[in-house]
Protein backbone atom coordinates (compact mmCIF):
# COMPACT_ATOMS: atom_id res chain seq x y z
CA UNK A 1 2.97 13.70 19.77
CA UNK A 2 1.67 17.28 19.64
CA UNK A 3 0.88 16.88 15.94
CA UNK A 4 -1.05 13.69 16.70
CA UNK A 5 -3.15 15.35 19.41
CA UNK A 6 -3.85 18.43 17.29
CA UNK A 7 -4.83 16.24 14.35
CA UNK A 8 -7.13 14.19 16.58
CA UNK A 9 -8.84 17.32 17.92
CA UNK A 10 -9.29 18.74 14.43
CA UNK A 11 -10.77 15.49 13.19
CA UNK A 12 -13.16 15.30 16.12
CA UNK A 13 -14.26 18.91 15.66
CA UNK A 14 -14.89 18.29 11.96
CA UNK A 15 -17.05 15.28 12.72
CA UNK A 16 -18.85 17.04 15.56
CA UNK A 17 -19.63 20.03 13.33
CA UNK A 18 -21.40 17.59 11.03
CA UNK A 19 -23.80 16.84 13.94
CA UNK A 20 -22.56 13.30 14.46
CA UNK A 21 -21.72 12.18 17.98
CA UNK A 22 -18.42 10.34 18.18
CA UNK A 23 -18.21 8.20 21.29
CA UNK A 24 -15.25 5.97 20.46
CA UNK A 25 -11.84 6.59 18.88
CA UNK A 26 -9.75 3.58 17.87
CA UNK A 27 -6.11 3.88 16.82
CA UNK A 28 -4.57 0.87 15.06
CA UNK A 29 -0.84 1.53 15.21
CA UNK A 30 0.25 -1.38 13.03
CA UNK A 31 -2.24 -0.43 10.32
CA UNK A 32 -1.62 3.32 10.82
CA UNK A 33 -5.35 4.04 11.06
CA UNK A 34 -7.54 6.21 13.28
CA UNK A 35 -11.22 5.23 13.25
CA UNK A 36 -14.12 7.22 14.71
CA UNK A 37 -17.29 5.43 15.82
CA UNK A 38 -20.79 6.53 16.73
CA UNK A 39 -22.15 3.57 18.64
CA UNK A 40 -21.18 0.58 16.52
CA UNK A 41 -21.25 2.55 13.24
CA UNK A 42 -17.92 3.61 11.76
CA UNK A 43 -18.20 7.34 11.06
CA UNK A 44 -14.82 8.08 9.51
CA UNK A 45 -11.40 6.48 9.01
CA UNK A 46 -8.11 8.32 8.63
CA UNK A 47 -4.53 7.36 7.85
CA UNK A 48 -2.16 8.55 10.60
CA UNK A 49 1.59 9.00 10.97
CA UNK A 50 3.63 8.15 14.05
CA UNK A 51 7.23 8.75 15.14
CA UNK A 52 10.18 7.12 13.40
CA UNK A 53 10.22 4.34 16.02
CA UNK A 54 6.54 3.81 16.98
CA UNK A 55 6.75 0.22 18.24
CA UNK A 56 7.01 -0.45 21.96
CA UNK A 57 6.10 1.59 25.00
CA UNK A 58 7.04 5.23 25.38
CA UNK A 59 10.15 5.40 27.60
CA UNK A 60 11.11 9.07 27.54
CA UNK A 61 10.52 12.28 25.64
CA UNK A 62 12.29 12.25 22.30
CA UNK A 63 12.41 8.46 21.83
CA UNK A 64 10.09 8.87 18.80
CA UNK A 65 7.65 6.27 20.12
CA UNK A 66 3.92 6.81 20.26
CA UNK A 67 2.37 6.12 23.68
CA UNK A 68 -0.45 3.62 23.96
């Protein structure tokens, strides 16, 4: 989870440094994609990695699920 948050912050800072305003972040868990939008325009798309057991709701720390 920490890696995911750090990656998200780095991606946002990279896009923001390019003087583009990102106002929406979409994560598609099944497709393993993170998409950044400025308005309705897709700014950037990234492949992402989740825990070994990403499906389902997060129950407890260490269950290797990614919270929604």
